[in-house]
Amino acid sequence: MTRLDRGWAVTGPRGLGLADPERENAVLLDIIEATARGPGVEPMAAAVARVITEATATDVCFVHVLDDTDRSLTLVGATPPFDSQVGVVRLPLGHGVTGWVAEHREPVVIAQDKESDPRYLPIPELRGADYVSMVSVPMISEPSGLAGVLNVHTVTRRPFDDRDVRLLLAIGRLLAGALHQARMHRRLATRTQAHERFAEQMITAQEAERRRLARDIHDGISQRLVTLSYHLDAALTFLDRGEPAQARPGLESSCELVGTTLEEARAAIGALRPPVLDDLGLSGALAALARDLPGIDTTLALDERRVPEHVEVALYRIAQEALQNVLKHARARRVTLGLEIGDGDVRLAVCDDGVGFDQADPPESGGGGYGLASVRERADLIGGAVRLVSGRGSGTTLTVTAPLPEQ
C-alpha cells in the first residue's frame, strides 16, 4: 500500500491535481520506494507506472527504456491493460512523440487533437486513439544521461501545466537513476556469467587437449619406443653372440623408428604451441600455411605486428582449420588470407572462390562441413566473434574478430 492509498486525495480540477507540495513529496517518496525494490527493470517500471497513475488520476502510464544500442526504446513498464505489451513494443529514436522526446531530451505536452501534431505516430498496440491528452518527458540522470521516456495519458482532456511537467521530470530523474543502476547490474551479471562460461570452456578445452595429447603419446610415441626397445634388445643379443650381420637389420629399423618417433614428438609439441609462431610470428606463420596449399593461388594481406601469445595461437589454429577445409571441400583456385590489427582488436579473414555451400543446409548435407564448431570454440576462448558468409557457387568468407587486451 502506498501513502496515497492511505488517505491522500489524488484528483483535482486542473493538471495532475498535486499542487500541494506535501502531496508531491509523498508521491516522490512512493516512487523512491518503488525503485528500491530490486535490480529487475520490468517489476520496478511496472510499480512506478502504477504509482504515477494512482497519484495523478491519469488513465495509463508507459515507461520506455533506451536499449543497450542507444538507438531504440523498449516498453518495459505499463499499467493494465497494456502490461502484456512489455518487451514487445519497440520504438526507434526519432519515431513518434516518444522517439522525439528521447532524441531531443525535451518534454512534450499534447492536451488534445494529437493527430494534428507532426511528431505523433499512432502505435496500434498502445491504442493511442483511445486517449485525448498526454505528457511525454525524458528520464535523465547525471552523469549517466538519458535512460528512457515516461508517458502518461488520459481518456478525457487534461490541461497539464508547468508544475505537472516538473513533477514528472522529477519522477523521471529518480527512475532514470534506478534504471541506470539496473542496467549496470544486468551488465555486471552478464559479464560475470560470461567469465564463468569462459573459465568453463577454458578448462574443458585444456582437458580435451591433454586427453588428445596423452592419447597421441600413448598410441604413437610410446608404442614406437616399445618397438624400438625390442629391436635394440635383439641387436644386442646378436652382437653378444658375435653375429653383427644379424644385428644390422634391427639397428636399421631402430634408426627409422627413432626418426619417426622424433617427428611425432615434434608434432605433439607443435600441437601445444606451434614452433613457427616463435620463429616467424603470426603473420609469418600464416604465410607459411598459405604456401603449403597445393595447387591454390594465395593472396596475402598480413599485418606483421605481434599480438598476445594466446591470441596468436588461437588465430593460427583457426586459419589452419579454415585452410584445411578449403582443401577438403571448397575446390577453390584462389584464397585470400588477411590479418588486420587495430588499436583494440584483431581481424582474421579467409576467403576462397570455391563451390561454397548453403548455410541453411544441415551439417550432414555440407552446411556444417566447414569446421565451424571448432572455429567458434577457439574464437570463444579469446572473446572473439565469428562470421561466415557462403552460398552455392559463390565461395566462402570466414571472418574472426577478437578483442586485444590492454597492454
Protein backbone atom coordinates (compact mmCIF):
# COMPACT_ATOMS: atom_id res chain seq x y z
CA MET A 1 0.00 0.00 0.00
CA THR A 2 1.37 3.44 -0.95
CA ARG A 3 0.98 6.61 1.07
CA LEU A 4 -1.60 7.68 -1.49
CA ASP A 5 -3.69 4.63 -0.64
CA ARG A 6 -3.70 5.70 2.97
CA GLY A 7 -5.95 8.70 2.54
CA TRP A 8 -4.39 11.10 0.04
CA ALA A 9 -6.84 12.64 -2.43
CA VAL A 10 -5.47 12.35 -5.91
CA THR A 11 -7.77 14.31 -8.19
CA GLY A 12 -8.09 17.97 -8.83
CA PRO A 13 -9.77 20.38 -11.20
CA ARG A 14 -6.65 21.01 -13.25
CA GLY A 15 -3.42 19.31 -14.14
CA LEU A 16 -2.27 16.30 -12.16
CA GLY A 17 -4.03 17.51 -9.03
CA LEU A 18 -0.82 17.66 -6.96
CA ALA A 19 -0.48 21.35 -6.30
CA ASP A 20 0.20 20.70 -2.60
CA PRO A 21 4.00 20.35 -2.11
CA GLU A 22 3.41 17.87 0.70
CA ARG A 23 1.45 15.63 -1.60
CA GLU A 24 4.13 15.92 -4.26
CA ASN A 25 6.73 14.81 -1.73
CA ALA A 26 4.55 11.85 -0.82
CA VAL A 27 4.41 10.81 -4.48
CA LEU A 28 8.19 11.12 -4.82
CA LEU A 29 8.69 9.01 -1.69
CA ASP A 30 6.41 6.36 -3.17
CA ILE A 31 8.47 6.44 -6.37
CA ILE A 32 11.65 6.01 -4.34
CA GLU A 33 10.15 3.01 -2.60
CA ALA A 34 9.11 1.54 -5.95
CA THR A 35 12.60 1.98 -7.42
CA ALA A 36 14.20 0.38 -4.36
CA ARG A 37 12.51 -2.99 -4.86
CA GLY A 38 15.48 -4.60 -6.58
CA PRO A 39 17.50 -4.60 -9.79
CA GLY A 40 14.75 -6.05 -12.01
CA VAL A 41 13.85 -3.43 -14.62
CA GLU A 42 10.36 -4.67 -15.53
CA PRO A 43 8.98 -5.05 -11.96
CA MET A 44 10.41 -1.67 -11.00
CA ALA A 45 8.97 0.06 -14.08
CA ALA A 46 5.57 -1.57 -13.54
CA ALA A 47 5.50 -0.42 -9.90
CA VAL A 48 6.43 3.14 -10.86
CA ALA A 49 3.79 3.26 -13.61
CA ARG A 50 1.16 2.12 -11.13
CA VAL A 51 2.18 4.74 -8.56
CA ILE A 52 2.06 7.51 -11.16
CA THR A 53 -1.42 6.70 -12.42
CA GLU A 54 -2.77 6.34 -8.87
CA ALA A 55 -1.17 9.59 -7.75
CA THR A 56 -2.11 11.69 -10.75
CA ALA A 57 -5.54 10.30 -11.62
CA THR A 58 -4.34 9.60 -15.14
CA ASP A 59 -5.50 6.55 -17.05
CA VAL A 60 -2.35 4.82 -18.34
CA CYS A 61 1.38 5.19 -17.93
CA PHE A 62 4.15 3.84 -20.16
CA VAL A 63 7.85 3.51 -19.29
CA HIS A 64 10.07 3.23 -22.38
CA VAL A 65 13.74 2.43 -21.72
CA LEU A 66 16.70 3.10 -24.00
CA ASP A 67 18.27 -0.19 -25.06
CA ASP A 68 21.98 -1.02 -24.97
CA THR A 69 22.50 0.12 -28.56
CA ASP A 70 21.21 3.64 -27.69
CA ARG A 71 19.21 3.54 -30.92
CA SER A 72 15.76 2.43 -29.84
CA LEU A 73 13.35 2.35 -26.92
CA THR A 74 11.67 -0.72 -25.45
CA LEU A 75 8.47 -0.67 -23.40
CA VAL A 76 9.47 -2.14 -20.02
CA GLY A 77 6.62 -0.96 -17.81
CA ALA A 78 2.93 -0.24 -18.36
CA THR A 79 -0.32 -0.16 -16.47
CA PRO A 80 -3.09 -2.61 -17.43
CA PRO A 81 -4.35 -3.45 -19.97
CA PHE A 82 -1.04 -2.76 -21.71
CA ASP A 83 1.27 -4.72 -19.42
CA SER A 84 1.07 -7.57 -21.94
CA GLN A 85 2.95 -5.36 -24.41
CA VAL A 86 6.03 -5.09 -22.17
CA GLY A 87 9.08 -6.20 -24.11
CA VAL A 88 7.07 -6.26 -27.36
CA VAL A 89 6.73 -2.58 -28.33
CA ARG A 90 9.99 -1.10 -29.63
CA LEU A 91 10.44 2.42 -31.00
CA PRO A 92 13.43 3.83 -32.89
CA LEU A 93 14.80 7.15 -31.69
CA GLY A 94 13.03 9.96 -33.51
CA HIS A 95 9.94 7.80 -34.13
CA GLY A 96 6.73 9.37 -32.87
CA VAL A 97 6.38 11.66 -29.86
CA THR A 98 8.26 9.25 -27.59
CA GLY A 99 11.17 8.95 -30.02
CA TRP A 100 11.23 12.73 -30.48
CA VAL A 101 11.42 13.29 -26.71
CA ALA A 102 14.26 10.76 -26.44
CA GLU A 103 16.15 12.37 -29.29
CA HIS A 104 15.70 15.99 -28.17
CA ARG A 105 15.67 15.45 -24.38
CA GLU A 106 12.68 17.79 -24.08
CA PRO A 107 9.14 17.18 -22.70
CA VAL A 108 6.06 17.30 -24.90
CA VAL A 109 2.52 18.14 -23.76
CA ILE A 110 -0.47 17.48 -26.03
CA ALA A 111 -3.79 18.46 -24.47
CA GLN A 112 -5.95 17.39 -27.41
CA ASP A 113 -6.01 16.62 -31.14
CA LYS A 114 -2.81 14.53 -31.10
CA GLU A 115 -3.19 13.62 -34.76
CA SER A 116 -2.51 17.21 -35.79
CA ASP A 117 0.92 17.16 -34.16
CA PRO A 118 3.50 16.20 -36.85
CA ARG A 119 5.51 14.29 -34.26
CA TYR A 120 2.64 11.96 -33.40
CA LEU A 121 2.56 8.48 -34.91
CA PRO A 122 -0.05 6.01 -33.69
CA ILE A 123 1.13 2.76 -32.14
CA PRO A 124 -1.65 0.22 -32.69
CA GLU A 125 -0.62 -1.94 -29.75
CA LEU A 126 -0.98 1.01 -27.34
CA ARG A 127 -4.30 2.29 -28.77
CA GLY A 128 -3.34 5.96 -28.81
CA ALA A 129 -6.62 6.96 -30.42
CA ASP A 130 -8.42 6.00 -27.18
CA TYR A 131 -6.67 8.79 -25.25
CA VAL A 132 -7.04 12.53 -25.68
CA SER A 133 -4.26 14.17 -23.63
CA MET A 134 -0.70 13.09 -22.97
CA VAL A 135 2.56 14.18 -21.38
CA SER A 136 5.88 12.70 -22.50
CA VAL A 137 9.06 13.52 -20.54
CA PRO A 138 12.65 12.29 -20.83
CA MET A 139 14.08 10.29 -17.93
CA ILE A 140 17.55 11.75 -17.44
CA SER A 141 20.07 11.34 -14.64
CA GLU A 142 23.50 12.82 -14.17
CA PRO A 143 26.07 11.79 -15.20
CA SER A 144 24.63 8.76 -17.00
CA GLY A 145 22.33 10.73 -19.30
CA LEU A 146 19.14 9.52 -20.93
CA ALA A 147 17.56 6.34 -19.55
CA GLY A 148 14.27 6.46 -21.43
CA VAL A 149 10.93 8.25 -21.75
CA LEU A 150 7.96 8.39 -19.38
CA ASN A 151 4.45 8.89 -20.81
CA VAL A 152 1.07 9.44 -19.16
CA HIS A 153 -2.28 9.55 -20.99
CA THR A 154 -5.86 10.45 -20.12
CA VAL A 155 -9.11 9.49 -21.78
CA THR A 156 -10.62 12.94 -21.23
CA ARG A 157 -8.97 16.25 -21.94
CA ARG A 158 -6.49 17.27 -19.23
CA PRO A 159 -4.62 20.61 -19.26
CA PHE A 160 -1.14 19.67 -17.98
CA ASP A 161 0.70 22.75 -16.68
CA ASP A 162 4.38 23.50 -15.97
CA ARG A 163 4.12 22.21 -12.41
CA ASP A 164 2.81 18.88 -13.71
CA VAL A 165 5.73 18.61 -16.14
CA ARG A 166 8.25 19.46 -13.43
CA LEU A 167 6.81 16.76 -11.19
CA LEU A 168 7.01 14.16 -13.95
CA LEU A 169 10.57 15.26 -14.78
CA ALA A 170 11.49 14.79 -11.10
CA ILE A 171 9.93 11.32 -11.15
CA GLY A 172 11.81 10.66 -14.38
CA ARG A 173 15.13 11.61 -12.77
CA LEU A 174 14.51 9.25 -9.86
CA LEU A 175 13.54 6.43 -12.19
CA ALA A 176 16.45 7.15 -14.54
CA GLY A 177 18.97 6.72 -11.75
CA ALA A 178 17.39 3.41 -10.75
CA LEU A 179 17.27 2.25 -14.37
CA HIS A 180 20.94 3.06 -14.92
CA GLN A 181 21.80 1.10 -11.78
CA ALA A 182 19.66 -1.81 -13.00
CA ARG A 183 21.41 -1.70 -16.37
CA MET A 184 24.83 -1.73 -14.70
CA HIS A 185 23.71 -4.63 -12.50
CA ARG A 186 22.50 -6.56 -15.56
CA ARG A 187 25.73 -5.89 -17.46
CA LEU A 188 27.79 -6.94 -14.47
CA ALA A 189 25.77 -10.13 -14.11
CA THR A 190 26.13 -10.84 -17.83
CA ARG A 191 29.86 -10.21 -17.68
CA THR A 192 30.19 -12.46 -14.64
CA GLN A 193 28.30 -15.22 -16.42
CA ALA A 194 30.49 -14.74 -19.49
CA HIS A 195 33.62 -15.02 -17.37
CA GLU A 196 32.26 -18.17 -15.76
CA ARG A 197 31.46 -19.68 -19.14
CA PHE A 198 34.88 -18.65 -20.41
CA ALA A 199 36.57 -20.35 -17.46
CA GLU A 200 34.49 -23.50 -18.00
CA GLN A 201 35.31 -23.51 -21.71
CA MET A 202 38.97 -22.96 -20.99
CA ILE A 203 39.11 -25.85 -18.52
CA THR A 204 37.15 -28.11 -20.89
CA ALA A 205 39.44 -27.21 -23.78
CA GLN A 206 42.55 -27.78 -21.68
CA GLU A 207 41.31 -31.17 -20.51
CA ALA A 208 40.36 -32.17 -24.06
CA GLU A 209 43.79 -31.09 -25.29
CA ARG A 210 45.50 -33.04 -22.53
CA ARG A 211 43.47 -36.15 -23.32
CA ARG A 212 44.25 -35.83 -27.01
CA LEU A 213 47.96 -35.34 -26.31
CA ALA A 214 48.02 -38.29 -23.88
CA ARG A 215 46.29 -40.46 -26.48
CA ASP A 216 48.73 -39.37 -29.20
CA ILE A 217 51.72 -40.10 -26.97
CA HIS A 218 50.33 -43.47 -25.87
CA ASP A 219 49.25 -44.63 -29.32
CA GLY A 220 52.21 -43.21 -31.20
CA ILE A 221 55.37 -42.27 -29.36
CA SER A 222 55.04 -44.84 -26.55
CA GLN A 223 54.29 -47.73 -28.89
CA ARG A 224 57.18 -46.84 -31.15
CA LEU A 225 59.55 -46.62 -28.18
CA VAL A 226 58.44 -50.11 -27.07
CA THR A 227 59.09 -51.44 -30.58
CA LEU A 228 62.43 -49.63 -30.63
CA SER A 229 63.45 -51.33 -27.38
CA TYR A 230 62.64 -54.77 -28.89
CA HIS A 231 64.79 -54.06 -31.96
CA LEU A 232 67.67 -52.82 -29.82
CA ASP A 233 67.45 -55.83 -27.48
CA ALA A 234 67.55 -58.17 -30.47
CA ALA A 235 70.50 -56.33 -31.96
CA LEU A 236 72.39 -56.52 -28.65
CA THR A 237 71.70 -60.24 -28.48
CA PHE A 238 73.19 -60.78 -31.93
CA LEU A 239 76.21 -58.61 -31.07
CA ASP A 240 76.78 -60.60 -27.86
CA ARG A 241 76.82 -63.75 -29.96
CA GLY A 242 79.37 -62.25 -32.32
CA GLU A 243 76.87 -62.02 -35.19
CA PRO A 244 76.99 -58.33 -36.25
CA ALA A 245 75.49 -59.07 -39.65
CA GLN A 246 72.32 -60.37 -37.98
CA ALA A 247 72.18 -57.25 -35.79
CA ARG A 248 72.27 -54.82 -38.73
CA PRO A 249 68.60 -55.09 -39.83
CA GLY A 250 67.43 -54.44 -36.28
CA LEU A 251 69.70 -51.42 -35.97
CA GLU A 252 68.48 -50.04 -39.29
CA SER A 253 64.86 -50.47 -38.18
CA SER A 254 65.76 -48.78 -34.91
CA CYS A 255 67.16 -45.77 -36.76
CA GLU A 256 63.93 -45.49 -38.77
CA LEU A 257 61.86 -45.72 -35.61
CA VAL A 258 63.94 -43.01 -33.95
CA GLY A 259 63.31 -40.68 -36.89
CA THR A 260 59.57 -41.42 -36.94
CA THR A 261 59.27 -41.01 -33.17
CA LEU A 262 61.13 -37.71 -33.32
CA GLU A 263 58.68 -36.43 -35.96
CA GLU A 264 55.72 -37.47 -33.82
CA ALA A 265 57.23 -35.78 -30.77
CA ARG A 266 57.70 -32.58 -32.75
CA ALA A 267 54.11 -32.83 -33.99
CA ALA A 268 52.89 -33.26 -30.39
CA ILE A 269 54.88 -30.22 -29.29
CA GLY A 270 53.59 -28.27 -32.26
CA ALA A 271 50.01 -29.13 -31.26
CA LEU A 272 50.58 -27.34 -27.96
CA ARG A 273 52.46 -24.35 -29.30
CA PRO A 274 53.40 -24.22 -32.99
CA PRO A 275 57.17 -23.50 -33.13
CA VAL A 276 56.62 -21.50 -36.31
CA LEU A 277 54.91 -18.81 -34.21
CA ASP A 278 58.05 -18.36 -32.13
CA ASP A 279 60.24 -18.33 -35.24
CA LEU A 280 58.17 -16.20 -37.62
CA GLY A 281 55.37 -14.58 -35.61
CA LEU A 282 51.69 -14.83 -36.55
CA SER A 283 51.99 -13.17 -39.96
CA GLY A 284 54.94 -15.37 -40.95
CA ALA A 285 53.19 -18.48 -39.67
CA LEU A 286 50.06 -17.64 -41.67
CA ALA A 287 52.17 -17.04 -44.78
CA ALA A 288 53.78 -20.46 -44.26
CA LEU A 289 50.33 -22.07 -44.04
CA ALA A 290 49.30 -20.39 -47.28
CA ARG A 291 52.46 -21.55 -49.07
CA ASP A 292 51.63 -25.16 -48.19
CA LEU A 293 48.32 -25.10 -50.13
CA PRO A 294 48.96 -27.27 -53.21
CA GLY A 295 47.56 -26.01 -56.49
CA ILE A 296 45.94 -22.88 -55.00
CA ASP A 297 46.94 -19.28 -55.72
CA THR A 298 47.16 -17.28 -52.50
CA THR A 299 46.94 -13.55 -51.86
CA LEU A 300 48.27 -12.32 -48.54
CA ALA A 301 47.48 -9.08 -46.69
CA LEU A 302 49.09 -9.64 -43.30
CA ASP A 303 49.86 -7.11 -40.57
CA GLU A 304 53.26 -8.06 -39.15
CA ARG A 305 52.71 -6.61 -35.68
CA ARG A 306 52.60 -9.05 -32.78
CA VAL A 307 49.57 -9.73 -30.60
CA PRO A 308 49.36 -11.57 -27.25
CA GLU A 309 50.55 -15.17 -27.37
CA HIS A 310 47.21 -16.83 -26.64
CA VAL A 311 45.53 -14.78 -29.39
CA GLU A 312 48.24 -15.76 -31.88
CA VAL A 313 47.81 -19.46 -31.11
CA ALA A 314 44.02 -19.30 -31.43
CA LEU A 315 44.08 -17.37 -34.73
CA TYR A 316 46.78 -19.65 -36.14
CA ARG A 317 44.68 -22.73 -35.31
CA ILE A 318 41.57 -21.11 -36.79
CA ALA A 319 43.41 -20.29 -40.02
CA GLN A 320 44.83 -23.83 -40.08
CA GLU A 321 41.33 -25.30 -39.73
CA ALA A 322 39.87 -22.96 -42.35
CA LEU A 323 42.60 -23.65 -44.92
CA GLN A 324 42.31 -27.41 -44.38
CA ASN A 325 38.61 -27.13 -45.10
CA VAL A 326 39.35 -25.16 -48.25
CA LEU A 327 41.49 -28.08 -49.42
CA LYS A 328 38.95 -30.72 -48.41
CA HIS A 329 35.68 -29.14 -49.52
CA ALA A 330 35.96 -25.89 -51.45
CA ARG A 331 37.62 -26.99 -54.74
CA ALA A 332 38.97 -23.43 -54.83
CA ARG A 333 41.56 -21.96 -57.19
CA ARG A 334 42.32 -18.82 -55.20
CA VAL A 335 42.44 -17.99 -51.50
CA THR A 336 42.91 -14.61 -49.83
CA LEU A 337 44.30 -14.57 -46.30
CA GLY A 338 44.11 -11.30 -44.36
CA LEU A 339 45.21 -10.16 -40.91
CA GLU A 340 44.37 -6.67 -39.64
CA ILE A 341 45.46 -5.39 -36.23
CA GLY A 342 43.73 -2.31 -34.87
CA ASP A 343 44.03 -0.37 -31.64
CA GLY A 344 41.61 -2.61 -29.78
CA ASP A 345 41.02 -5.70 -31.89
CA VAL A 346 42.46 -8.08 -34.47
CA ARG A 347 40.68 -9.43 -37.54
CA LEU A 348 41.47 -12.62 -39.45
CA ALA A 349 39.80 -13.28 -42.80
CA VAL A 350 39.99 -16.35 -45.05
CA CYS A 351 38.24 -16.00 -48.41
CA ASP A 352 38.08 -18.60 -51.21
CA ASP A 353 36.48 -18.74 -54.67
CA GLY A 354 35.30 -22.32 -54.27
CA VAL A 355 31.95 -24.03 -54.61
CA GLY A 356 30.59 -22.63 -51.34
CA PHE A 357 27.52 -24.04 -49.62
CA ASP A 358 24.04 -23.08 -48.48
CA GLN A 359 24.31 -22.04 -44.83
CA ALA A 360 20.73 -23.16 -44.25
CA ASP A 361 21.66 -26.76 -45.06
CA PRO A 362 22.06 -29.18 -42.14
CA PRO A 363 25.62 -30.27 -41.29
CA GLU A 364 25.24 -33.72 -42.89
CA SER A 365 24.46 -32.13 -46.27
CA GLY A 366 27.50 -29.87 -46.28
CA GLY A 367 26.22 -26.78 -44.50
CA GLY A 368 28.32 -27.52 -41.42
CA GLY A 369 31.28 -29.09 -43.21
CA TYR A 370 33.44 -26.02 -42.74
CA GLY A 371 34.59 -26.98 -39.25
CA LEU A 372 32.70 -24.00 -37.86
CA ALA A 373 32.17 -25.62 -34.45
CA SER A 374 35.91 -25.90 -33.86
CA VAL A 375 36.45 -22.37 -35.13
CA ARG A 376 33.75 -20.97 -32.83
CA GLU A 377 35.17 -22.78 -29.81
CA ARG A 378 38.64 -21.33 -30.39
CA ALA A 379 37.21 -17.86 -31.06
CA ASP A 380 35.09 -18.02 -27.88
CA LEU A 381 38.18 -18.73 -25.80
CA ILE A 382 39.67 -15.37 -26.81
CA GLY A 383 36.35 -13.48 -26.65
CA GLY A 384 36.08 -13.33 -30.43
CA ALA A 385 33.17 -13.30 -32.87
CA VAL A 386 32.86 -15.47 -35.98
CA ARG A 387 31.12 -14.50 -39.22
CA LEU A 388 30.71 -16.97 -42.07
CA VAL A 389 29.35 -15.90 -45.46
CA SER A 390 28.82 -18.51 -48.16
CA GLY A 391 26.48 -19.56 -50.93
CA ARG A 392 26.40 -22.28 -53.51
CA GLY A 393 28.82 -21.35 -56.29
CA SER A 394 29.90 -18.08 -54.65
CA GLY A 395 32.79 -19.18 -52.42
CA THR A 396 33.17 -18.78 -48.70
CA THR A 397 34.48 -15.99 -46.46
CA LEU A 398 35.31 -16.66 -42.82
CA THR A 399 35.99 -13.66 -40.59
CA VAL A 400 37.08 -13.81 -36.96
CA THR A 401 37.30 -10.60 -34.92
CA ALA A 402 38.79 -10.72 -31.41
CA PRO A 403 39.46 -8.01 -28.83
CA LEU A 404 43.03 -7.27 -27.83
CA PRO A 405 43.76 -6.94 -24.11
CA GLU A 406 45.01 -3.55 -23.00
CA GLN A 407 48.77 -3.55 -22.77
